[in-house]
Amino acid sequence: MAAKHQRPSGGPVEAGAPEGAGEGAAEGAAVVEALPAGLYLVATPIGNLGDITLRALEVLRRADRIACEDTRTTRKLLNAHGITTKTTAYHDHSGPGARAALLDAIRAGRAVALVSDAGTPLVSDPGYKLVRDAIAEDLPVTSLPGPAAPVAALQLSGLPSDRFFFGGFLPAKSGARRRILQDLRGLEASLIFFESAARLAASLADMAEVLGERPAAIARELTKLHEELRRGPLPVLAAHYAEAGPPRGEIVVVIGPPEDAAGAEAFDLDAALRDALQRTSLRDAAASVAAASGLPKRRVYARALELAKESGGPGQDG
C-alpha cells in the first residue's frame, strides 16, 4: 500500500501501514511527515531530468496538487519518477478564477506545488500573481531552489558574474528592442536575455548596434545532449547567426558589461563632448575625446552624434 500522510493537524503516518495504524505498527517502518499546507515553488530541470533535487521529488510526490504551466510537459517528468500527484493547468493565460481556486485549496489546508515547464517558477514564467496574492493573505510560501537557465548560461559564458541583470525576452520589434538596450547600455553589469531562435540574428544585430563590440555568449540547449556555447564579440555573433540561420533549441544570450565601466565615473563624457563640439567638427570632437578618455571611438562618436541632434545641430560633419 502506498505511503499516506495526514494534514498538519494530525500526526505522522507510517509508510506501508494500514490506515488507522498507530503505535502498534511494525517497528522499523519509515515515517512520512505530513506536508504542511502552503504554496511550494518547485524548480524543475531545464533539460537533463537528472537535475531534479531530492527535496523537489519529495514535495511533488506528497503535494495535494501540482499547478503546471503545461500538464503534458510536467507529466513526463512525473512519470519518469513514478509520481502520480494530481495536476492542474496554471499558465500566463489563466484568469483570476484559476488563481482563486489554488488559494482556496491552500486555505483549506492543502499543499499546492507550482512548477513551470522548465527551470525556476516566476523566472520569466508564470506565478508572480499567485505568489503575490498568497503573501497578501499571509499564506505560507516556500521556495525549492534548483535549475535556472539564466544562471547556468552566466556560469558558462566566461563573463563577469559578480553583477548581472536578467531582462527576460526583449520586445519582438526592433525599435522597442533598441530602446530597452539603450536604457541598459550604461549598466555596469553583465546582461542576460532569453531569445527565440527565429529572432536571434535580428536581436544580436540590434545589440551590436547599440552596445558595440562587447564580448557575449550564446547558450543553447543547456544541460541537454547538444548543449552549445558560442562566444565572441556581439558583431561577430550577429554575423554568424545571420549567415547560419536560426539555431535549434532554447537560447540564452549573455553580454559582458561595458569594458570602460571602471573609468566611466571619473570621466564625464557628455561634458567633454559638449565642450569639444563648440570648438570643432563632430568627427574631430569625437576623436579628441576618445583619445583623452580612452573610451572606444565608436561609442564616443555615437554619443557625440546624439548630443549634436539634441542641440539642434546638423548631426553630422560638414
C-alpha atoms as a PDB file:
ATOM      1  CA  MET A   1       0.000   0.000   0.000  1.00  0.00           C
ATOM      2  CA  ALA A   2       1.289   3.468  -0.837  1.00  0.00           C
ATOM      3  CA  ALA A   3       2.601   5.741   1.889  1.00  0.00           C
ATOM      4  CA  LYS A   4      -0.038   8.017   3.405  1.00  0.00           C
ATOM      5  CA  HIS A   5       0.114  11.409   5.044  1.00  0.00           C
ATOM      6  CA  GLN A   6      -2.253  13.453   7.130  1.00  0.00           C
ATOM      7  CA  ARG A   7      -2.973  17.146   7.210  1.00  0.00           C
ATOM      8  CA  PRO A   8      -0.853  19.272   9.576  1.00  0.00           C
ATOM      9  CA  SER A   9      -3.412  18.891  12.403  1.00  0.00           C
ATOM     10  CA  GLY A  10      -2.673  15.144  12.614  1.00  0.00           C
ATOM     11  CA  GLY A  11       0.432  13.199  13.431  1.00  0.00           C
ATOM     12  CA  PRO A  12       2.735  11.320  11.051  1.00  0.00           C
ATOM     13  CA  VAL A  13       1.633   8.049   9.492  1.00  0.00           C
ATOM     14  CA  GLU A  14       3.916   5.127   8.916  1.00  0.00           C
ATOM     15  CA  ALA A  15       4.667   4.259   5.312  1.00  0.00           C
ATOM     16  CA  GLY A  16       3.104   0.971   4.287  1.00  0.00           C
ATOM     17  CA  ALA A  17       0.935   0.683   7.411  1.00  0.00           C
ATOM     18  CA  PRO A  18      -2.830   0.110   7.149  1.00  0.00           C
ATOM     19  CA  GLU A  19      -4.970   3.206   7.527  1.00  0.00           C
ATOM     20  CA  GLY A  20      -5.610   3.844  11.197  1.00  0.00           C
ATOM     21  CA  ALA A  21      -2.471   2.054  12.341  1.00  0.00           C
ATOM     22  CA  GLY A  22      -0.716   3.718  15.250  1.00  0.00           C
ATOM     23  CA  GLU A  23       1.726   2.771  17.948  1.00  0.00           C
ATOM     24  CA  GLY A  24       1.243  -0.933  17.306  1.00  0.00           C
ATOM     25  CA  ALA A  25       2.607  -0.789  13.789  1.00  0.00           C
ATOM     26  CA  ALA A  26       5.638  -2.859  12.939  1.00  0.00           C
ATOM     27  CA  GLU A  27       8.931  -1.438  14.123  1.00  0.00           C
ATOM     28  CA  GLY A  28      11.329  -0.085  11.543  1.00  0.00           C
ATOM     29  CA  ALA A  29       8.646   1.186   9.137  1.00  0.00           C
ATOM     30  CA  ALA A  30       9.508   4.529   7.556  1.00  0.00           C
ATOM     31  CA  VAL A  31       7.614   7.534   8.888  1.00  0.00           C
ATOM     32  CA  VAL A  32       6.303  10.137   6.459  1.00  0.00           C
ATOM     33  CA  GLU A  33       5.698  13.587   7.886  1.00  0.00           C
ATOM     34  CA  ALA A  34       2.568  15.366   6.749  1.00  0.00           C
ATOM     35  CA  LEU A  35       3.314  18.034   4.156  1.00  0.00           C
ATOM     36  CA  PRO A  36       2.165  21.348   5.677  1.00  0.00           C
ATOM     37  CA  ALA A  37      -0.345  23.456   3.799  1.00  0.00           C
ATOM     38  CA  GLY A  38       1.112  26.153   1.591  1.00  0.00           C
ATOM     39  CA  LEU A  39       2.399  27.113  -1.822  1.00  0.00           C
ATOM     40  CA  TYR A  40       5.618  25.351  -2.849  1.00  0.00           C
ATOM     41  CA  LEU A  41       7.635  26.873  -5.705  1.00  0.00           C
ATOM     42  CA  VAL A  42       9.455  23.898  -7.193  1.00  0.00           C
ATOM     43  CA  ALA A  43      12.329  24.292  -9.655  1.00  0.00           C
ATOM     44  CA  THR A  44      12.445  21.566 -12.311  1.00  0.00           C
ATOM     45  CA  PRO A  45      15.173  20.522 -14.797  1.00  0.00           C
ATOM     46  CA  ILE A  46      15.857  22.767 -17.788  1.00  0.00           C
ATOM     47  CA  GLY A  47      16.840  19.757 -19.876  1.00  0.00           C
ATOM     48  CA  ASN A  48      18.533  16.901 -18.068  1.00  0.00           C
ATOM     49  CA  LEU A  49      15.948  15.094 -15.916  1.00  0.00           C
ATOM     50  CA  GLY A  50      18.722  14.108 -13.512  1.00  0.00           C
ATOM     51  CA  ASP A  51      18.923  17.701 -12.278  1.00  0.00           C
ATOM     52  CA  ILE A  52      15.761  17.391 -10.170  1.00  0.00           C
ATOM     53  CA  THR A  53      16.525  17.640  -6.441  1.00  0.00           C
ATOM     54  CA  LEU A  54      15.562  15.040  -3.838  1.00  0.00           C
ATOM     55  CA  ARG A  55      13.547  17.659  -1.966  1.00  0.00           C
ATOM     56  CA  ALA A  56      11.666  18.634  -5.128  1.00  0.00           C
ATOM     57  CA  LEU A  57      10.722  14.995  -5.778  1.00  0.00           C
ATOM     58  CA  GLU A  58       9.509  14.626  -2.203  1.00  0.00           C
ATOM     59  CA  VAL A  59       7.274  17.686  -2.408  1.00  0.00           C
ATOM     60  CA  LEU A  60       5.894  16.775  -5.835  1.00  0.00           C
ATOM     61  CA  ARG A  61       5.093  13.295  -4.588  1.00  0.00           C
ATOM     62  CA  ARG A  62       3.406  14.432  -1.367  1.00  0.00           C
ATOM     63  CA  ALA A  63       1.640  17.593  -2.554  1.00  0.00           C
ATOM     64  CA  ASP A  64      -2.139  17.518  -2.895  1.00  0.00           C
ATOM     65  CA  ARG A  65      -1.963  19.225  -6.268  1.00  0.00           C
ATOM     66  CA  ILE A  66       0.667  20.370  -8.770  1.00  0.00           C
ATOM     67  CA  ALA A  67      -0.073  23.549 -10.717  1.00  0.00           C
ATOM     68  CA  CYS A  68       1.700  23.296 -14.091  1.00  0.00           C
ATOM     69  CA  GLU A  69       2.444  25.642 -16.961  1.00  0.00           C
ATOM     70  CA  ASP A  70       1.677  22.695 -19.248  1.00  0.00           C
ATOM     71  CA  THR A  71       0.352  19.496 -17.664  1.00  0.00           C
ATOM     72  CA  ARG A  72       1.649  17.366 -20.560  1.00  0.00           C
ATOM     73  CA  THR A  73       5.209  18.600 -20.091  1.00  0.00           C
ATOM     74  CA  THR A  74       5.128  18.143 -16.334  1.00  0.00           C
ATOM     75  CA  ARG A  75       3.580  14.703 -16.641  1.00  0.00           C
ATOM     76  CA  LYS A  76       6.695  13.489 -18.493  1.00  0.00           C
ATOM     77  CA  LEU A  77       8.819  14.485 -15.502  1.00  0.00           C
ATOM     78  CA  LEU A  78       6.397  12.954 -13.026  1.00  0.00           C
ATOM     79  CA  ASN A  79       6.156   9.698 -14.972  1.00  0.00           C
ATOM     80  CA  ALA A  80       9.949   9.426 -15.032  1.00  0.00           C
ATOM     81  CA  HIS A  81       9.919   9.358 -11.232  1.00  0.00           C
ATOM     82  CA  GLY A  82       6.717   7.408 -10.643  1.00  0.00           C
ATOM     83  CA  ILE A  83       4.799  10.380  -9.238  1.00  0.00           C
ATOM     84  CA  THR A  84       1.000  10.265  -9.552  1.00  0.00           C
ATOM     85  CA  THR A  85       0.014  13.548  -7.873  1.00  0.00           C
ATOM     86  CA  LYS A  86      -2.956  15.318  -9.461  1.00  0.00           C
ATOM     87  CA  THR A  87      -2.003  18.137 -11.859  1.00  0.00           C
ATOM     88  CA  THR A  88      -3.877  21.251 -12.897  1.00  0.00           C
ATOM     89  CA  ALA A  89      -3.042  23.900 -15.501  1.00  0.00           C
ATOM     90  CA  TYR A  90      -1.811  27.312 -14.378  1.00  0.00           C
ATOM     91  CA  HIS A  91      -0.163  29.481 -17.040  1.00  0.00           C
ATOM     92  CA  ASP A  92       0.077  33.000 -18.497  1.00  0.00           C
ATOM     93  CA  HIS A  93      -3.494  32.860 -19.764  1.00  0.00           C
ATOM     94  CA  SER A  94      -5.031  31.590 -16.533  1.00  0.00           C
ATOM     95  CA  GLY A  95      -7.532  34.060 -15.155  1.00  0.00           C
ATOM     96  CA  PRO A  96      -8.314  35.155 -11.586  1.00  0.00           C
ATOM     97  CA  GLY A  97     -10.591  32.116 -11.183  1.00  0.00           C
ATOM     98  CA  ALA A  98      -7.737  29.647 -11.569  1.00  0.00           C
ATOM     99  CA  ARG A  99      -5.628  31.610  -9.118  1.00  0.00           C
ATOM    100  CA  ALA A 100      -8.511  31.792  -6.632  1.00  0.00           C
ATOM    101  CA  ALA A 101      -9.009  28.011  -6.804  1.00  0.00           C
ATOM    102  CA  LEU A 102      -5.387  27.382  -5.851  1.00  0.00           C
ATOM    103  CA  LEU A 103      -5.562  29.873  -2.988  1.00  0.00           C
ATOM    104  CA  ASP A 104      -8.812  28.261  -1.785  1.00  0.00           C
ATOM    105  CA  ALA A 105      -7.034  24.901  -1.668  1.00  0.00           C
ATOM    106  CA  ILE A 106      -4.232  26.324   0.475  1.00  0.00           C
ATOM    107  CA  ARG A 107      -6.740  27.982   2.825  1.00  0.00           C
ATOM    108  CA  ALA A 108      -8.428  24.600   3.179  1.00  0.00           C
ATOM    109  CA  GLY A 109      -5.163  23.084   4.402  1.00  0.00           C
ATOM    110  CA  ARG A 110      -3.804  21.688   1.159  1.00  0.00           C
ATOM    111  CA  ALA A 111      -0.252  21.691  -0.168  1.00  0.00           C
ATOM    112  CA  VAL A 112      -0.001  23.126  -3.701  1.00  0.00           C
ATOM    113  CA  ALA A 113       3.221  22.797  -5.701  1.00  0.00           C
ATOM    114  CA  LEU A 114       3.833  25.250  -8.553  1.00  0.00           C
ATOM    115  CA  VAL A 115       6.124  24.296 -11.438  1.00  0.00           C
ATOM    116  CA  SER A 116       6.912  25.801 -14.835  1.00  0.00           C
ATOM    117  CA  ASP A 117       7.739  23.800 -17.945  1.00  0.00           C
ATOM    118  CA  ALA A 118      11.435  24.011 -17.086  1.00  0.00           C
ATOM    119  CA  GLY A 119      13.576  25.798 -14.547  1.00  0.00           C
ATOM    120  CA  THR A 120      12.550  28.028 -11.667  1.00  0.00           C
ATOM    121  CA  PRO A 121       8.953  29.290 -11.422  1.00  0.00           C
ATOM    122  CA  LEU A 122       8.469  33.070 -11.801  1.00  0.00           C
ATOM    123  CA  VAL A 123      11.793  33.492 -13.688  1.00  0.00           C
ATOM    124  CA  SER A 124      10.227  34.636 -16.947  1.00  0.00           C
ATOM    125  CA  ASP A 125       7.489  32.092 -16.195  1.00  0.00           C
ATOM    126  CA  PRO A 126       4.002  32.222 -14.625  1.00  0.00           C
ATOM    127  CA  GLY A 127       3.484  32.504 -10.888  1.00  0.00           C
ATOM    128  CA  TYR A 128       4.123  36.076  -9.773  1.00  0.00           C
ATOM    129  CA  LYS A 129       0.454  36.971  -9.238  1.00  0.00           C
ATOM    130  CA  LEU A 130      -0.203  33.738  -7.378  1.00  0.00           C
ATOM    131  CA  VAL A 131       2.740  34.335  -5.041  1.00  0.00           C
ATOM    132  CA  ARG A 132       1.768  37.987  -4.581  1.00  0.00           C
ATOM    133  CA  ASP A 133      -1.793  37.079  -3.580  1.00  0.00           C
ATOM    134  CA  ALA A 134      -0.653  34.274  -1.277  1.00  0.00           C
ATOM    135  CA  ILE A 135       1.721  36.621   0.524  1.00  0.00           C
ATOM    136  CA  ALA A 136      -1.003  39.285   0.779  1.00  0.00           C
ATOM    137  CA  GLU A 137      -3.166  36.740   2.647  1.00  0.00           C
ATOM    138  CA  ASP A 138      -0.246  35.619   4.816  1.00  0.00           C
ATOM    139  CA  LEU A 139      -0.418  32.094   3.372  1.00  0.00           C
ATOM    140  CA  PRO A 140       2.804  30.038   3.588  1.00  0.00           C
ATOM    141  CA  VAL A 141       5.059  30.242   0.523  1.00  0.00           C
ATOM    142  CA  THR A 142       8.182  28.088   0.223  1.00  0.00           C
ATOM    143  CA  SER A 143      10.887  28.058  -2.456  1.00  0.00           C
ATOM    144  CA  LEU A 144      12.634  24.862  -3.522  1.00  0.00           C
ATOM    145  CA  PRO A 145      15.597  26.245  -5.481  1.00  0.00           C
ATOM    146  CA  GLY A 146      17.132  24.440  -8.399  1.00  0.00           C
ATOM    147  CA  PRO A 147      17.961  24.833 -12.101  1.00  0.00           C
ATOM    148  CA  ALA A 148      17.684  28.258 -13.738  1.00  0.00           C
ATOM    149  CA  ALA A 149      18.784  28.810 -17.346  1.00  0.00           C
ATOM    150  CA  PRO A 150      19.996  32.425 -16.844  1.00  0.00           C
ATOM    151  CA  VAL A 151      22.377  31.412 -14.060  1.00  0.00           C
ATOM    152  CA  ALA A 152      23.617  28.321 -15.921  1.00  0.00           C
ATOM    153  CA  ALA A 153      24.344  30.420 -19.018  1.00  0.00           C
ATOM    154  CA  LEU A 154      26.166  33.060 -16.957  1.00  0.00           C
ATOM    155  CA  GLN A 155      28.326  30.384 -15.337  1.00  0.00           C
ATOM    156  CA  LEU A 156      29.384  29.011 -18.718  1.00  0.00           C
ATOM    157  CA  SER A 157      29.779  32.342 -20.513  1.00  0.00           C
ATOM    158  CA  GLY A 158      33.177  33.259 -19.085  1.00  0.00           C
ATOM    159  CA  LEU A 159      31.841  36.784 -18.490  1.00  0.00           C
ATOM    160  CA  PRO A 160      31.814  38.726 -15.186  1.00  0.00           C
ATOM    161  CA  SER A 161      29.308  37.190 -12.796  1.00  0.00           C
ATOM    162  CA  ASP A 162      29.607  39.433  -9.739  1.00  0.00           C
ATOM    163  CA  ARG A 163      26.839  41.739 -11.038  1.00  0.00           C
ATOM    164  CA  PHE A 164      24.222  40.782 -13.624  1.00  0.00           C
ATOM    165  CA  PHE A 165      20.840  41.882 -14.933  1.00  0.00           C
ATOM    166  CA  PHE A 166      18.262  39.434 -16.264  1.00  0.00           C
ATOM    167  CA  GLY A 167      15.920  41.011 -18.804  1.00  0.00           C
ATOM    168  CA  GLY A 168      13.794  38.035 -19.877  1.00  0.00           C
ATOM    169  CA  PHE A 169      12.666  38.294 -23.511  1.00  0.00           C
ATOM    170  CA  LEU A 170      13.321  41.558 -25.359  1.00  0.00           C
ATOM    171  CA  PRO A 171      10.481  43.006 -27.498  1.00  0.00           C
ATOM    172  CA  ALA A 172       9.897  41.421 -30.885  1.00  0.00           C
ATOM    173  CA  LYS A 173      10.047  44.741 -32.774  1.00  0.00           C
ATOM    174  CA  SER A 174      13.448  46.282 -33.424  1.00  0.00           C
ATOM    175  CA  GLY A 175      12.544  49.819 -32.362  1.00  0.00           C
ATOM    176  CA  ALA A 176      11.244  48.780 -28.951  1.00  0.00           C
ATOM    177  CA  ARG A 177      14.141  46.375 -28.531  1.00  0.00           C
ATOM    178  CA  ARG A 178      16.698  49.085 -29.222  1.00  0.00           C
ATOM    179  CA  ARG A 179      15.075  51.488 -26.766  1.00  0.00           C
ATOM    180  CA  ILE A 180      15.426  48.968 -23.952  1.00  0.00           C
ATOM    181  CA  LEU A 181      19.019  48.229 -24.914  1.00  0.00           C
ATOM    182  CA  GLN A 182      19.755  51.962 -24.896  1.00  0.00           C
ATOM    183  CA  ASP A 183      18.374  52.190 -21.357  1.00  0.00           C
ATOM    184  CA  LEU A 184      20.633  49.315 -20.275  1.00  0.00           C
ATOM    185  CA  ARG A 185      23.735  50.451 -22.127  1.00  0.00           C
ATOM    186  CA  GLY A 186      25.346  52.157 -19.157  1.00  0.00           C
ATOM    187  CA  LEU A 187      24.521  49.447 -16.633  1.00  0.00           C
ATOM    188  CA  GLU A 188      27.745  48.149 -15.102  1.00  0.00           C
ATOM    189  CA  ALA A 189      26.705  44.511 -15.114  1.00  0.00           C
ATOM    190  CA  SER A 190      26.525  41.503 -17.397  1.00  0.00           C
ATOM    191  CA  LEU A 191      23.215  41.396 -19.268  1.00  0.00           C
ATOM    192  CA  ILE A 192      21.208  38.179 -19.690  1.00  0.00           C
ATOM    193  CA  PHE A 193      18.274  37.700 -22.074  1.00  0.00           C
ATOM    194  CA  PHE A 194      16.138  34.883 -23.395  1.00  0.00           C
ATOM    195  CA  GLU A 195      15.605  34.900 -27.163  1.00  0.00           C
ATOM    196  CA  SER A 196      13.718  32.841 -29.700  1.00  0.00           C
ATOM    197  CA  ALA A 197      15.637  31.117 -32.476  1.00  0.00           C
ATOM    198  CA  ALA A 198      13.735  32.999 -35.185  1.00  0.00           C
ATOM    199  CA  ARG A 199      14.628  36.417 -33.745  1.00  0.00           C
ATOM    200  CA  LEU A 200      18.184  35.686 -32.606  1.00  0.00           C
ATOM    201  CA  ALA A 201      20.046  37.141 -35.598  1.00  0.00           C
ATOM    202  CA  ALA A 202      17.990  40.355 -35.670  1.00  0.00           C
ATOM    203  CA  SER A 203      18.252  40.752 -31.915  1.00  0.00           C
ATOM    204  CA  LEU A 204      22.030  40.297 -31.973  1.00  0.00           C
ATOM    205  CA  ALA A 205      22.295  42.876 -34.765  1.00  0.00           C
ATOM    206  CA  ASP A 206      20.461  45.407 -32.595  1.00  0.00           C
ATOM    207  CA  MET A 207      22.627  44.522 -29.601  1.00  0.00           C
ATOM    208  CA  ALA A 208      25.784  45.044 -31.642  1.00  0.00           C
ATOM    209  CA  GLU A 209      24.493  48.368 -32.949  1.00  0.00           C
ATOM    210  CA  VAL A 210      23.528  49.707 -29.530  1.00  0.00           C
ATOM    211  CA  LEU A 211      26.091  48.064 -27.232  1.00  0.00           C
ATOM    212  CA  GLY A 212      29.063  47.877 -29.590  1.00  0.00           C
ATOM    213  CA  GLU A 213      31.740  45.208 -29.583  1.00  0.00           C
ATOM    214  CA  ARG A 214      31.071  43.808 -26.153  1.00  0.00           C
ATOM    215  CA  PRO A 215      32.010  40.176 -25.503  1.00  0.00           C
ATOM    216  CA  ALA A 216      28.996  37.877 -25.419  1.00  0.00           C
ATOM    217  CA  ALA A 217      27.957  34.235 -25.310  1.00  0.00           C
ATOM    218  CA  ILE A 218      25.051  32.367 -26.868  1.00  0.00           C
ATOM    219  CA  ALA A 219      23.983  29.374 -24.763  1.00  0.00           C
ATOM    220  CA  ARG A 220      21.811  26.776 -26.461  1.00  0.00           C
ATOM    221  CA  GLU A 221      20.182  23.564 -25.214  1.00  0.00           C
ATOM    222  CA  LEU A 222      21.692  23.892 -21.737  1.00  0.00           C
ATOM    223  CA  THR A 223      22.186  20.577 -19.853  1.00  0.00           C
ATOM    224  CA  LYS A 224      20.944  18.630 -22.881  1.00  0.00           C
ATOM    225  CA  LEU A 225      22.827  16.283 -25.215  1.00  0.00           C
ATOM    226  CA  HIS A 226      23.547  19.002 -27.788  1.00  0.00           C
ATOM    227  CA  GLU A 227      24.460  21.802 -25.363  1.00  0.00           C
ATOM    228  CA  GLU A 228      26.409  24.537 -27.146  1.00  0.00           C
ATOM    229  CA  LEU A 229      28.168  27.738 -26.076  1.00  0.00           C
ATOM    230  CA  ARG A 230      29.296  30.135 -28.781  1.00  0.00           C
ATOM    231  CA  ARG A 231      31.384  33.051 -27.525  1.00  0.00           C
ATOM    232  CA  GLY A 232      32.670  36.191 -29.230  1.00  0.00           C
ATOM    233  CA  PRO A 233      32.087  39.926 -29.785  1.00  0.00           C
ATOM    234  CA  LEU A 234      28.473  40.877 -30.479  1.00  0.00           C
ATOM    235  CA  PRO A 235      29.104  41.902 -34.130  1.00  0.00           C
ATOM    236  CA  VAL A 236      30.814  38.577 -34.838  1.00  0.00           C
ATOM    237  CA  LEU A 237      27.984  36.584 -33.268  1.00  0.00           C
ATOM    238  CA  ALA A 238      25.400  38.650 -35.137  1.00  0.00           C
ATOM    239  CA  ALA A 239      27.151  37.971 -38.441  1.00  0.00           C
ATOM    240  CA  HIS A 240      27.409  34.255 -37.696  1.00  0.00           C
ATOM    241  CA  TYR A 241      23.714  33.731 -36.992  1.00  0.00           C
ATOM    242  CA  ALA A 242      22.680  35.978 -39.880  1.00  0.00           C
ATOM    243  CA  GLU A 243      24.533  33.592 -42.170  1.00  0.00           C
ATOM    244  CA  ALA A 244      23.883  30.294 -40.369  1.00  0.00           C
ATOM    245  CA  GLY A 245      20.175  30.859 -39.780  1.00  0.00           C
ATOM    246  CA  PRO A 246      18.092  30.132 -36.669  1.00  0.00           C
ATOM    247  CA  PRO A 247      19.606  27.510 -34.348  1.00  0.00           C
ATOM    248  CA  ARG A 248      17.525  24.834 -32.668  1.00  0.00           C
ATOM    249  CA  GLY A 249      16.570  24.760 -29.020  1.00  0.00           C
ATOM    250  CA  GLU A 250      16.181  27.167 -26.107  1.00  0.00           C
ATOM    251  CA  ILE A 251      18.537  30.154 -26.228  1.00  0.00           C
ATOM    252  CA  VAL A 252      20.096  32.426 -23.599  1.00  0.00           C
ATOM    253  CA  VAL A 253      22.184  35.480 -24.555  1.00  0.00           C
ATOM    254  CA  VAL A 254      24.799  36.757 -22.083  1.00  0.00           C
ATOM    255  CA  ILE A 255      26.534  40.085 -22.740  1.00  0.00           C
ATOM    256  CA  GLY A 256      29.517  41.430 -20.839  1.00  0.00           C
ATOM    257  CA  PRO A 257      29.410  44.794 -19.025  1.00  0.00           C
ATOM    258  CA  PRO A 258      30.884  47.950 -20.554  1.00  0.00           C
ATOM    259  CA  GLU A 259      34.632  47.414 -20.674  1.00  0.00           C
ATOM    260  CA  ASP A 260      35.209  51.037 -19.703  1.00  0.00           C
ATOM    261  CA  ALA A 261      32.921  50.814 -16.658  1.00  0.00           C
ATOM    262  CA  ALA A 262      35.761  51.283 -14.184  1.00  0.00           C
ATOM    263  CA  GLY A 263      36.719  54.645 -15.603  1.00  0.00           C
ATOM    264  CA  ALA A 264      33.277  55.864 -16.605  1.00  0.00           C
ATOM    265  CA  GLU A 265      32.513  57.508 -13.272  1.00  0.00           C
ATOM    266  CA  ALA A 266      35.744  59.513 -13.322  1.00  0.00           C
ATOM    267  CA  PHE A 267      35.195  60.884 -16.827  1.00  0.00           C
ATOM    268  CA  ASP A 268      32.155  62.971 -17.788  1.00  0.00           C
ATOM    269  CA  LEU A 269      31.746  62.014 -21.438  1.00  0.00           C
ATOM    270  CA  ASP A 270      28.815  64.311 -22.190  1.00  0.00           C
ATOM    271  CA  ALA A 271      30.512  67.364 -20.693  1.00  0.00           C
ATOM    272  CA  ALA A 272      33.716  66.699 -22.636  1.00  0.00           C
ATOM    273  CA  LEU A 273      31.824  66.218 -25.896  1.00  0.00           C
ATOM    274  CA  ARG A 274      29.690  69.344 -25.487  1.00  0.00           C
ATOM    275  CA  ASP A 275      32.825  71.381 -24.887  1.00  0.00           C
ATOM    276  CA  ALA A 276      34.616  69.883 -27.891  1.00  0.00           C
ATOM    277  CA  LEU A 277      31.591  70.289 -30.185  1.00  0.00           C
ATOM    278  CA  GLN A 278      31.630  74.032 -29.551  1.00  0.00           C
ATOM    279  CA  ARG A 279      35.148  74.262 -30.919  1.00  0.00           C
ATOM    280  CA  THR A 280      35.396  71.732 -33.739  1.00  0.00           C
ATOM    281  CA  SER A 281      33.550  69.349 -36.051  1.00  0.00           C
ATOM    282  CA  LEU A 282      31.650  66.358 -34.754  1.00  0.00           C
ATOM    283  CA  ARG A 283      34.183  63.879 -36.114  1.00  0.00           C
ATOM    284  CA  ASP A 284      37.171  65.743 -34.666  1.00  0.00           C
ATOM    285  CA  ALA A 285      35.382  66.267 -31.357  1.00  0.00           C
ATOM    286  CA  ALA A 286      34.668  62.561 -31.036  1.00  0.00           C
ATOM    287  CA  ALA A 287      38.254  61.654 -31.961  1.00  0.00           C
ATOM    288  CA  SER A 288      39.811  64.032 -29.460  1.00  0.00           C
ATOM    289  CA  VAL A 289      37.514  62.999 -26.607  1.00  0.00           C
ATOM    290  CA  ALA A 290      38.060  59.304 -27.337  1.00  0.00           C
ATOM    291  CA  ALA A 291      41.816  59.832 -27.232  1.00  0.00           C
ATOM    292  CA  ALA A 292      41.607  61.810 -23.986  1.00  0.00           C
ATOM    293  CA  SER A 293      39.262  59.398 -22.223  1.00  0.00           C
ATOM    294  CA  GLY A 294      40.447  56.073 -23.522  1.00  0.00           C
ATOM    295  CA  LEU A 295      36.843  55.155 -24.335  1.00  0.00           C
ATOM    296  CA  PRO A 296      36.009  53.231 -27.537  1.00  0.00           C
ATOM    297  CA  LYS A 297      35.915  55.563 -30.555  1.00  0.00           C
ATOM    298  CA  ARG A 298      32.694  54.022 -31.834  1.00  0.00           C
ATOM    299  CA  ARG A 299      30.875  54.680 -28.574  1.00  0.00           C
ATOM    300  CA  VAL A 300      32.176  58.251 -28.288  1.00  0.00           C
ATOM    301  CA  TYR A 301      31.191  59.064 -31.875  1.00  0.00           C
ATOM    302  CA  ALA A 302      27.693  57.622 -31.376  1.00  0.00           C
ATOM    303  CA  ARG A 303      27.193  59.732 -28.255  1.00  0.00           C
ATOM    304  CA  ALA A 304      28.544  62.844 -29.991  1.00  0.00           C
ATOM    305  CA  LEU A 305      26.020  62.296 -32.785  1.00  0.00           C
ATOM    306  CA  GLU A 306      23.192  62.051 -30.237  1.00  0.00           C
ATOM    307  CA  LEU A 307      24.266  65.232 -28.453  1.00  0.00           C
ATOM    308  CA  ALA A 308      24.528  67.095 -31.740  1.00  0.00           C
ATOM    309  CA  LYS A 309      20.988  66.090 -32.659  1.00  0.00           C
ATOM    310  CA  GLU A 310      19.682  67.057 -29.210  1.00  0.00           C
ATOM    311  CA  SER A 311      21.216  70.514 -29.520  1.00  0.00           C
ATOM    312  CA  GLY A 312      19.579  71.086 -32.885  1.00  0.00           C
ATOM    313  CA  GLY A 313      22.806  70.797 -34.843  1.00  0.00           C
ATOM    314  CA  PRO A 314      23.165  69.061 -38.220  1.00  0.00           C
ATOM    315  CA  GLY A 315      24.003  65.755 -36.557  1.00  0.00           C
ATOM    316  CA  GLN A 316      26.890  65.126 -38.955  1.00  0.00           C
ATOM    317  CA  ASP A 317      30.118  66.630 -40.198  1.00  0.00           C
ATOM    318  CA  GLY A 318      30.123  69.322 -42.780  1.00  0.00           C
END
